[in-house]
C-alpha atoms as a PDB file:
ATOM      1  CA  MET A   1       0.000   0.000   0.000  1.00  0.00           C
ATOM      2  CA  TYR A   2       1.242   3.469  -0.823  1.00  0.00           C
ATOM      3  CA  GLY A   3       0.233   6.885   0.435  1.00  0.00           C
ATOM      4  CA  THR A   4       1.259  10.349  -0.645  1.00  0.00           C
ATOM      5  CA  TYR A   5       4.053  11.859   1.426  1.00  0.00           C
ATOM      6  CA  GLY A   6       4.519  15.406   0.199  1.00  0.00           C
ATOM      7  CA  SER A   7       5.504  15.052  -3.435  1.00  0.00           C
ATOM      8  CA  ASN A   8       6.676  11.464  -2.907  1.00  0.00           C
ATOM      9  CA  TYR A   9       5.054   8.156  -2.101  1.00  0.00           C
ATOM     10  CA  SER A  10       5.461   6.422   1.235  1.00  0.00           C
ATOM     11  CA  PRO A  11       4.828   2.682   1.525  1.00  0.00           C
ATOM     12  CA  THR A  12       2.760   1.263   4.346  1.00  0.00           C
ATOM     13  CA  LEU A  13       4.400  -1.981   5.432  1.00  0.00           C
ATOM     14  CA  TYR A  14       2.686  -4.287   7.887  1.00  0.00           C
ATOM     15  CA  ALA A  15       4.743  -6.291  10.342  1.00  0.00           C
ATOM     16  CA  ASN A  16       4.449 -10.038   9.944  1.00  0.00           C
ATOM     17  CA  GLY A  17       2.882 -11.974  12.770  1.00  0.00           C
ATOM     18  CA  SER A  18      -0.499 -11.946  14.437  1.00  0.00           C
ATOM     19  CA  PHE A  19      -1.516 -10.284  17.682  1.00  0.00           C
ATOM     20  CA  PHE A  20      -5.012 -11.596  18.230  1.00  0.00           C
ATOM     21  CA  ASN A  21      -6.496 -12.477  21.597  1.00  0.00           C
ATOM     22  CA  PRO A  22     -10.235 -13.283  21.575  1.00  0.00           C
ATOM     23  CA  ASN A  23      -9.883 -15.079  24.917  1.00  0.00           C
ATOM     24  CA  SER A  24      -8.818 -12.058  26.949  1.00  0.00           C
ATOM     25  CA  ILE A  25     -10.876 -11.183  30.012  1.00  0.00           C
ATOM     26  CA  ILE A  26      -9.443  -7.655  29.909  1.00  0.00           C
ATOM     27  CA  ASP A  27     -10.309  -6.559  26.377  1.00  0.00           C
ATOM     28  CA  LYS A  28     -11.003  -8.886  23.450  1.00  0.00           C
ATOM     29  CA  THR A  29      -8.886  -7.129  20.857  1.00  0.00           C
ATOM     30  CA  SER A  30      -6.432  -7.468  18.013  1.00  0.00           C
ATOM     31  CA  MET A  31      -3.244  -5.442  17.539  1.00  0.00           C
ATOM     32  CA  SER A  32      -1.719  -4.453  14.209  1.00  0.00           C
ATOM     33  CA  ILE A  33       1.681  -2.904  13.569  1.00  0.00           C
ATOM     34  CA  SER A  34       2.741  -1.064  10.442  1.00  0.00           C
ATOM     35  CA  MET A  35       5.498   1.268   9.307  1.00  0.00           C
ATOM     36  CA  TRP A  36       4.324   4.452   7.615  1.00  0.00           C
ATOM     37  CA  LYS A  37       5.912   7.815   6.825  1.00  0.00           C
ATOM     38  CA  THR A  38       8.986   7.134   9.008  1.00  0.00           C
ATOM     39  CA  THR A  39       6.684   6.268  11.944  1.00  0.00           C
ATOM     40  CA  LEU A  40       5.640   3.033  13.577  1.00  0.00           C
ATOM     41  CA  LYS A  41       1.872   2.765  13.796  1.00  0.00           C
ATOM     42  CA  ILE A  42       0.455   0.628  16.609  1.00  0.00           C
ATOM     43  CA  GLY A  43      -3.283   0.075  16.328  1.00  0.00           C
ATOM     44  CA  ILE A  44      -5.642  -1.835  18.616  1.00  0.00           C
ATOM     45  CA  ALA A  45      -9.109  -2.836  17.413  1.00  0.00           C
ATOM     46  CA  PRO A  46     -11.976  -4.641  19.177  1.00  0.00           C
ATOM     47  CA  ILE A  47     -12.872  -8.203  18.235  1.00  0.00           C
ATOM     48  CA  ILE A  48     -16.520  -8.824  17.435  1.00  0.00           C
ATOM     49  CA  GLU A  49     -17.557 -12.240  18.674  1.00  0.00           C
ATOM     50  CA  SER A  50     -19.754 -14.218  16.318  1.00  0.00           C
ATOM     51  CA  SER A  51     -23.167 -15.234  17.562  1.00  0.00           C
ATOM     52  CA  ASN A  52     -23.640 -17.984  14.971  1.00  0.00           C
ATOM     53  CA  GLY A  53     -20.315 -19.768  15.224  1.00  0.00           C
ATOM     54  CA  GLU A  54     -18.876 -18.329  12.019  1.00  0.00           C
ATOM     55  CA  GLY A  55     -15.768 -17.024  13.752  1.00  0.00           C
ATOM     56  CA  ASN A  56     -14.655 -13.728  15.224  1.00  0.00           C
ATOM     57  CA  THR A  57     -13.990 -10.586  13.196  1.00  0.00           C
ATOM     58  CA  VAL A  58     -11.967  -7.451  13.847  1.00  0.00           C
ATOM     59  CA  SER A  59     -13.742  -4.090  13.854  1.00  0.00           C
ATOM     60  CA  ASN A  60     -11.078  -2.137  11.978  1.00  0.00           C
ATOM     61  CA  LYS A  61     -13.213   1.000  11.860  1.00  0.00           C
ATOM     62  CA  ASP A  62     -12.884   1.259  15.640  1.00  0.00           C
ATOM     63  CA  THR A  63      -9.102   1.018  15.668  1.00  0.00           C
ATOM     64  CA  VAL A  64      -7.325   3.317  18.108  1.00  0.00           C
ATOM     65  CA  ALA A  65      -3.762   4.029  17.031  1.00  0.00           C
ATOM     66  CA  VAL A  66      -0.609   5.845  17.984  1.00  0.00           C
ATOM     67  CA  PHE A  67       2.293   6.828  15.733  1.00  0.00           C
ATOM     68  CA  LEU A  68       5.801   6.556  17.169  1.00  0.00           C
ATOM     69  CA  VAL A  69       9.006   8.039  15.822  1.00  0.00           C
ATOM     70  CA  PRO A  70      12.069   5.771  16.255  1.00  0.00           C
ATOM     71  CA  ILE A  71      13.257   7.265  19.533  1.00  0.00           C
ATOM     72  CA  LYS A  72       9.778   6.810  21.048  1.00  0.00           C
ATOM     73  CA  ALA A  73       9.706   3.186  19.887  1.00  0.00           C
ATOM     74  CA  LYS A  74      13.032   2.599  21.631  1.00  0.00           C
ATOM     75  CA  MET A  75      11.753   4.266  24.792  1.00  0.00           C
ATOM     76  CA  LEU A  76       8.693   2.016  24.827  1.00  0.00           C
ATOM     77  CA  ALA A  77      10.811  -1.093  24.218  1.00  0.00           C
ATOM     78  CA  ASP A  78      13.109  -0.192  27.118  1.00  0.00           C
ATOM     79  CA  LEU A  79      10.169   0.454  29.445  1.00  0.00           C
ATOM     80  CA  ILE A  80       8.604  -2.905  28.598  1.00  0.00           C
ATOM     81  CA  THR A  81      11.941  -4.622  29.234  1.00  0.00           C
ATOM     82  CA  GLU A  82      12.153  -2.836  32.585  1.00  0.00           C
ATOM     83  CA  PHE A  83       8.594  -3.872  33.393  1.00  0.00           C
ATOM     84  CA  MET A  84       9.267  -7.517  32.531  1.00  0.00           C
ATOM     85  CA  ALA A  85      12.237  -7.536  34.899  1.00  0.00           C
ATOM     86  CA  ASP A  86      10.209  -5.982  37.734  1.00  0.00           C
ATOM     87  CA  ARG A  87       6.456  -6.430  37.475  1.00  0.00           C
ATOM     88  CA  THR A  88       5.854  -4.007  40.344  1.00  0.00           C
ATOM     89  CA  LYS A  89       6.684  -1.199  37.884  1.00  0.00           C
ATOM     90  CA  SER A  90       3.242  -1.383  36.339  1.00  0.00           C
ATOM     91  CA  ASN A  91       1.336   1.241  34.377  1.00  0.00           C
ATOM     92  CA  ILE A  92       4.381   2.887  32.830  1.00  0.00           C
ATOM     93  CA  GLY A  93       4.618   4.230  29.309  1.00  0.00           C
ATOM     94  CA  ILE A  94       5.158   7.229  27.067  1.00  0.00           C
ATOM     95  CA  PRO A  95       3.067  10.090  25.707  1.00  0.00           C
ATOM     96  CA  ALA A  96       2.371   9.618  22.018  1.00  0.00           C
ATOM     97  CA  GLY A  97       1.742  13.342  21.665  1.00  0.00           C
ATOM     98  CA  GLY A  98       0.015  14.980  18.743  1.00  0.00           C
ATOM     99  CA  ASN A  99      -3.445  16.434  18.472  1.00  0.00           C
ATOM    100  CA  ASN A 100      -5.076  13.330  19.923  1.00  0.00           C
ATOM    101  CA  ASN A 101      -3.247  13.515  23.292  1.00  0.00           C
ATOM    102  CA  ARG A 102      -2.645   9.799  23.435  1.00  0.00           C
ATOM    103  CA  ILE A 103      -0.582   7.749  25.861  1.00  0.00           C
ATOM    104  CA  ILE A 104       0.602   4.149  25.478  1.00  0.00           C
ATOM    105  CA  THR A 105       1.387   2.118  28.603  1.00  0.00           C
ATOM    106  CA  ILE A 106       2.326  -1.379  29.748  1.00  0.00           C
ATOM    107  CA  SER A 107       0.613  -2.824  32.815  1.00  0.00           C
ATOM    108  CA  ASN A 108      -0.301  -5.917  34.757  1.00  0.00           C
ATOM    109  CA  GLY A 109      -3.708  -7.292  33.856  1.00  0.00           C
ATOM    110  CA  LYS A 110      -4.708  -7.272  37.512  1.00  0.00           C
ATOM    111  CA  ASP A 111      -4.597  -3.471  37.427  1.00  0.00           C
ATOM    112  CA  PHE A 112      -7.811  -3.655  35.400  1.00  0.00           C
ATOM    113  CA  ASN A 113      -9.403  -6.955  36.377  1.00  0.00           C
ATOM    114  CA  GLU A 114      -8.664  -8.748  39.643  1.00  0.00           C
ATOM    115  CA  ASN A 115      -9.501 -12.065  37.983  1.00  0.00           C
ATOM    116  CA  ALA A 116      -6.657 -11.715  35.497  1.00  0.00           C
ATOM    117  CA  GLY A 117      -3.820 -14.184  35.832  1.00  0.00           C
ATOM    118  CA  ASP A 118      -0.512 -13.314  37.448  1.00  0.00           C
ATOM    119  CA  ASP A 119       1.131 -13.472  34.007  1.00  0.00           C
ATOM    120  CA  SER A 120      -1.390 -11.149  32.373  1.00  0.00           C
ATOM    121  CA  ILE A 121       0.319  -8.263  30.536  1.00  0.00           C
ATOM    122  CA  VAL A 122      -1.626  -5.421  28.962  1.00  0.00           C
ATOM    123  CA  LEU A 123      -0.661  -2.784  26.409  1.00  0.00           C
ATOM    124  CA  ARG A 124      -3.031   0.151  26.657  1.00  0.00           C
ATOM    125  CA  ILE A 125      -3.723   3.191  24.494  1.00  0.00           C
ATOM    126  CA  VAL A 126      -5.648   6.048  26.070  1.00  0.00           C
ATOM    127  CA  GLU A 127      -6.716   9.427  24.784  1.00  0.00           C
ATOM    128  CA  VAL A 128      -6.799  12.145  27.410  1.00  0.00           C
ATOM    129  CA  ASP A 129      -8.751  15.380  27.387  1.00  0.00           C
ATOM    130  CA  ARG A 130      -6.178  18.164  27.418  1.00  0.00           C
ATOM    131  CA  ASP A 131      -8.289  20.442  29.610  1.00  0.00           C
ATOM    132  CA  THR A 132      -9.924  18.097  32.127  1.00  0.00           C
ATOM    133  CA  HIS A 133      -7.318  15.293  32.085  1.00  0.00           C
ATOM    134  CA  ALA A 134     -10.198  12.809  31.884  1.00  0.00           C
ATOM    135  CA  VAL A 135      -9.794   9.691  29.759  1.00  0.00           C
ATOM    136  CA  LYS A 136     -11.862  10.023  26.596  1.00  0.00           C
ATOM    137  CA  VAL A 137     -10.880   6.778  24.859  1.00  0.00           C
ATOM    138  CA  SER A 138      -9.303   3.590  26.177  1.00  0.00           C
ATOM    139  CA  ILE A 139      -8.466   0.290  24.538  1.00  0.00           C
ATOM    140  CA  MET A 140      -6.172  -2.529  25.626  1.00  0.00           C
ATOM    141  CA  TYR A 141      -4.442  -5.544  24.152  1.00  0.00           C
ATOM    142  CA  GLU A 142      -3.676  -8.422  26.500  1.00  0.00           C
ATOM    143  CA  PHE A 143      -0.636 -10.325  25.275  1.00  0.00           C
ATOM    144  CA  ALA A 144      -1.142 -14.067  24.967  1.00  0.00           C
ATOM    145  CA  THR A 145       0.935 -16.018  27.490  1.00  0.00           C
ATOM    146  CA  GLY A 146       1.531 -19.745  27.504  1.00  0.00           C
ATOM    147  CA  LYS A 147       0.343 -19.962  23.907  1.00  0.00           C
ATOM    148  CA  TYR A 148       3.424 -21.494  22.306  1.00  0.00           C
ATOM    149  CA  PRO A 149       4.651 -24.778  23.827  1.00  0.00           C
ATOM    150  CA  ALA A 150       8.147 -26.222  23.621  1.00  0.00           C
ATOM    151  CA  ILE A 151       8.240 -29.951  22.905  1.00  0.00           C
ATOM    152  CA  SER A 152      10.580 -32.371  24.665  1.00  0.00           C
ATOM    153  CA  GLY A 153      10.903 -36.128  25.060  1.00  0.00           C
ATOM    154  CA  PHE A 154       9.230 -37.029  21.775  1.00  0.00           C
ATOM    155  CA  ASN A 155       8.725 -40.796  21.498  1.00  0.00           C
ATOM    156  CA  GLU A 156       8.836 -41.989  17.903  1.00  0.00           C
ATOM    157  CA  LYS A 157       6.977 -45.220  18.684  1.00  0.00           C
ATOM    158  CA  THR A 158       4.082 -43.777  20.647  1.00  0.00           C
ATOM    159  CA  SER A 159       4.236 -40.146  19.471  1.00  0.00           C
ATOM    160  CA  ASP A 160       4.082 -39.107  23.101  1.00  0.00           C
ATOM    161  CA  PHE A 161       5.875 -35.961  24.215  1.00  0.00           C
ATOM    162  CA  SER A 162       5.970 -33.387  26.964  1.00  0.00           C
ATOM    163  CA  ALA A 163       4.757 -29.853  26.345  1.00  0.00           C
ATOM    164  CA  ASP A 164       6.602 -27.137  28.228  1.00  0.00           C
ATOM    165  CA  MET A 165       4.345 -24.071  28.406  1.00  0.00           C
ATOM    166  CA  GLU A 166       6.760 -22.076  30.549  1.00  0.00           C
ATOM    167  CA  LYS A 167       9.794 -21.867  28.273  1.00  0.00           C
ATOM    168  CA  PHE A 168       8.191 -19.549  25.726  1.00  0.00           C
ATOM    169  CA  LYS A 169       5.462 -18.140  27.945  1.00  0.00           C
ATOM    170  CA  TYR A 170       6.265 -14.578  26.919  1.00  0.00           C
ATOM    171  CA  ALA A 171       6.978 -15.274  23.243  1.00  0.00           C
ATOM    172  CA  GLU A 172       4.322 -12.832  22.033  1.00  0.00           C
ATOM    173  CA  ILE A 173       5.374  -9.795  24.049  1.00  0.00           C
ATOM    174  CA  ASN A 174       9.021 -10.577  23.257  1.00  0.00           C
ATOM    175  CA  ALA A 175       8.109 -10.503  19.566  1.00  0.00           C
ATOM    176  CA  PHE A 176       6.486  -7.094  20.050  1.00  0.00           C
ATOM    177  CA  VAL A 177       9.558  -5.695  21.801  1.00  0.00           C
ATOM    178  CA  ASN A 178      11.714  -7.101  19.008  1.00  0.00           C
ATOM    179  CA  ILE A 179       9.642  -5.210  16.422  1.00  0.00           C
ATOM    180  CA  LEU A 180      10.120  -1.971  18.367  1.00  0.00           C
ATOM    181  CA  ASN A 181      13.878  -2.503  18.572  1.00  0.00           C
ATOM    182  CA  GLN A 182      14.200  -3.601  14.955  1.00  0.00           C
ATOM    183  CA  TYR A 183      12.301  -0.531  13.777  1.00  0.00           C
ATOM    184  CA  TYR A 184      14.498   1.737  15.884  1.00  0.00           C
ATOM    185  CA  ALA A 185      17.663   0.138  14.527  1.00  0.00           C
ATOM    186  CA  ALA A 186      16.457   0.136  10.917  1.00  0.00           C
ATOM    187  CA  MET A 187      15.534   3.816  10.971  1.00  0.00           C
ATOM    188  CA  THR A 188      19.118   4.836  11.719  1.00  0.00           C
ATOM    189  CA  ASN A 189      19.751   3.832   8.085  1.00  0.00           C
ATOM    190  CA  THR A 190      22.953   2.023   9.088  1.00  0.00           C
ATOM    191  CA  GLN A 191      21.779  -1.280   7.617  1.00  0.00           C
ATOM    192  CA  ALA A 192      20.555   0.523   4.513  1.00  0.00           C
ATOM    193  CA  PHE A 193      23.969   2.168   4.156  1.00  0.00           C
ATOM    194  CA  ALA A 194      25.796  -1.158   4.492  1.00  0.00           C
ATOM    195  CA  THR A 195      23.555  -2.757   1.869  1.00  0.00           C
ATOM    196  CA  LEU A 196      23.867   0.187  -0.496  1.00  0.00           C
ATOM    197  CA  ASP A 197      27.629   0.327  -0.033  1.00  0.00           C
ATOM    198  CA  ALA A 198      27.863  -3.366  -0.941  1.00  0.00           C
ATOM    199  CA  VAL A 199      25.691  -3.231  -4.062  1.00  0.00           C
ATOM    200  CA  TYR A 200      26.618   0.219  -5.374  1.00  0.00           C
ATOM    201  CA  PRO A 201      29.604  -0.925  -7.508  1.00  0.00           C
ATOM    202  CA  TYR A 202      27.334  -3.377  -9.304  1.00  0.00           C
ATOM    203  CA  LEU A 203      24.592  -0.790  -9.764  1.00  0.00           C
ATOM    204  CA  ALA A 204      27.109   1.708 -11.100  1.00  0.00           C
ATOM    205  CA  SER A 205      28.428  -0.872 -13.562  1.00  0.00           C
ATOM    206  CA  ILE A 206      24.916  -1.644 -14.794  1.00  0.00           C
ATOM    207  CA  GLY A 207      24.169   2.071 -15.000  1.00  0.00           C
ATOM    208  CA  GLU A 208      27.185   2.707 -17.221  1.00  0.00           C
ATOM    209  CA  ARG A 209      26.027   0.025 -19.634  1.00  0.00           C
ATOM    210  CA  VAL A 210      22.624   1.667 -20.052  1.00  0.00           C
ATOM    211  CA  GLY A 211      23.989   5.198 -20.113  1.00  0.00           C
ATOM    212  CA  ALA A 212      23.002   6.228 -16.567  1.00  0.00           C
ATOM    213  CA  ASP A 213      25.557   8.263 -14.624  1.00  0.00           C
ATOM    214  CA  LEU A 214      24.987   6.936 -11.101  1.00  0.00           C
ATOM    215  CA  LYS A 215      28.234   8.421  -9.836  1.00  0.00           C
ATOM    216  CA  ASN A 216      26.800  11.946 -10.030  1.00  0.00           C
ATOM    217  CA  THR A 217      23.169  11.214  -9.215  1.00  0.00           C
ATOM    218  CA  PHE A 218      23.155   8.309  -6.754  1.00  0.00           C
ATOM    219  CA  HIS A 219      23.505  10.304  -3.558  1.00  0.00           C
ATOM    220  CA  ARG A 220      21.552  12.348  -1.067  1.00  0.00           C
ATOM    221  CA  ASN A 221      21.775  16.042  -0.544  1.00  0.00           C
ATOM    222  CA  SER A 222      24.421  16.637   2.111  1.00  0.00           C
ATOM    223  CA  ASN A 223      22.105  19.096   3.830  1.00  0.00           C
ATOM    224  CA  SER A 224      19.292  16.593   4.216  1.00  0.00           C
ATOM    225  CA  GLY A 225      21.055  13.775   5.998  1.00  0.00           C
ATOM    226  CA  PHE A 226      19.105  11.464   8.258  1.00  0.00           C
ATOM    227  CA  PHE A 227      20.256  12.815  11.581  1.00  0.00           C
ATOM    228  CA  SER A 228      20.060  16.439  10.456  1.00  0.00           C
ATOM    229  CA  ASN A 229      16.333  15.998   9.952  1.00  0.00           C
ATOM    230  CA  SER A 230      14.820  16.021  13.427  1.00  0.00           C
ATOM    231  CA  SER A 231      11.445  14.852  12.172  1.00  0.00           C
ATOM    232  CA  SER A 232      12.950  11.587  10.958  1.00  0.00           C
ATOM    233  CA  PHE A 233      14.392  10.189  14.157  1.00  0.00           C
ATOM    234  CA  GLY A 234      13.494  11.782  17.446  1.00  0.00           C
ATOM    235  CA  GLY A 235      11.911  15.114  16.660  1.00  0.00           C
ATOM    236  CA  ASN A 236       8.455  16.356  15.926  1.00  0.00           C
ATOM    237  CA  GLN A 237       6.294  13.763  14.191  1.00  0.00           C
ATOM    238  CA  SER A 238       3.168  15.913  14.037  1.00  0.00           C
ATOM    239  CA  SER A 239       2.978  16.512  10.317  1.00  0.00           C
ATOM    240  CA  ASN A 240      -0.474  17.439   9.144  1.00  0.00           C
ATOM    241  CA  SER A 241      -0.721  14.262   7.083  1.00  0.00           C
ATOM    242  CA  ILE A 242       0.108  12.030  10.037  1.00  0.00           C
ATOM    243  CA  GLN A 243      -2.277  13.817  12.368  1.00  0.00           C
ATOM    244  CA  GLN A 244      -5.036  13.638   9.777  1.00  0.00           C
ATOM    245  CA  ASP A 245      -4.615   9.894   9.552  1.00  0.00           C
ATOM    246  CA  ALA A 246      -4.435   9.582  13.318  1.00  0.00           C
ATOM    247  CA  GLY A 247      -7.645  11.552  13.548  1.00  0.00           C
ATOM    248  CA  ASN A 248      -9.375   8.873  11.531  1.00  0.00           C
ATOM    249  CA  SER A 249      -8.801   6.475  14.427  1.00  0.00           C
ATOM    250  CA  GLN A 250     -10.593   8.515  17.054  1.00  0.00           C
ATOM    251  CA  ASN A 251     -13.600   6.227  17.306  1.00  0.00           C
ATOM    252  CA  GLY A 252     -12.619   4.533  20.531  1.00  0.00           C
ATOM    253  CA  TYR A 253     -13.508   1.376  22.362  1.00  0.00           C
ATOM    254  CA  THR A 254     -14.095   1.950  26.031  1.00  0.00           C
ATOM    255  CA  ASN A 255     -15.249  -1.384  27.489  1.00  0.00           C
ATOM    256  CA  GLY A 256     -11.767  -2.289  28.639  1.00  0.00           C
ATOM    257  CA  PHE A 257     -11.526   0.859  30.750  1.00  0.00           C
ATOM    258  CA  ALA A 258     -14.702   0.120  32.640  1.00  0.00           C
ATOM    259  CA  ASN A 259     -12.894  -2.115  35.122  1.00  0.00           C
ATOM    260  CA  SER A 260     -10.079   0.323  35.748  1.00  0.00           C
ATOM    261  CA  PRO A 261      -9.913   1.513  39.365  1.00  0.00           C
ATOM    262  CA  ASN A 262      -9.055   5.042  38.331  1.00  0.00           C
ATOM    263  CA  ASN A 263     -10.700   6.900  35.492  1.00  0.00           C
ATOM    264  CA  GLN A 264      -8.555  10.002  35.815  1.00  0.00           C
ATOM    265  CA  PHE A 265      -5.005  10.936  34.965  1.00  0.00           C
ATOM    266  CA  SER A 266      -3.141  13.471  37.038  1.00  0.00           C
ATOM    267  CA  GLY A 267       0.131  15.301  36.625  1.00  0.00           C
ATOM    268  CA  GLY A 268       1.587  17.641  34.069  1.00  0.00           C
ATOM    269  CA  LEU A 269      -0.203  16.376  31.013  1.00  0.00           C
ATOM    270  CA  GLU A 270       0.082  19.723  29.277  1.00  0.00           C
ATOM    271  CA  GLY A 271       3.841  19.440  29.304  1.00  0.00           C
ATOM    272  CA  LEU A 272       3.802  15.797  28.233  1.00  0.00           C
ATOM    273  CA  MET A 273       1.397  16.379  25.414  1.00  0.00           C
ATOM    274  CA  SER A 274       2.906  19.556  24.070  1.00  0.00           C
ATOM    275  CA  GLY A 275       5.859  17.736  22.547  1.00  0.00           C
ATOM    276  CA  GLU A 276       6.369  14.595  20.572  1.00  0.00           C
END
């Protein structure tokens, strides 16, 4: 999929893998991840349970999304890693900023439903009213735990084996953190540079054969390097085009917030929300 990005086109690339948890007692939702206009888009949508046994569907029109620049993705990855090492550090996250005043957090499931398991981990997106600090929109994705077993002791004669559900208990959230880190690393352009540096001699040779002078045209403007452009890596991501797309995701899903013990946010939200 391609979208206009100024005078250029920007591809929308969806991360492989499925984040789909219809069995959650916190919020029955699906999470999608895509890369778009130098940002990482994380969207959570409610799952509509079928009443006739035809299977569950995802209500994409009710997706609530945030857009993260690379430095914000790295911050979120580090906070989740910190949370996984010490589960008492619950309900931590980052402001997503922008016109929608959204925050993304990582929490224990028990913070929202006392019947959640001890291993329950929840990623939450909330939209906060800038003036009243009240939560306007809330949606959560509960990571699947104990979903992917490791097999040991397979008996060829009887086909018996032991299933270890503990070894890869957190495989899904680890995959999510890996996506955040991979996106952060990729957007430094270091891998792209290494690849380009390796293939350039061959491209130049092909170009000469077809009459293309790659030596004088195959470069970037020295004044528009990656790190000199603050909007590319850690600066302001609030371009009008991004905010317009984010605005299309404002139809929220609030059921998951109903069990939260605290429907208010306090603190300096104005300062958090004013920047990206």
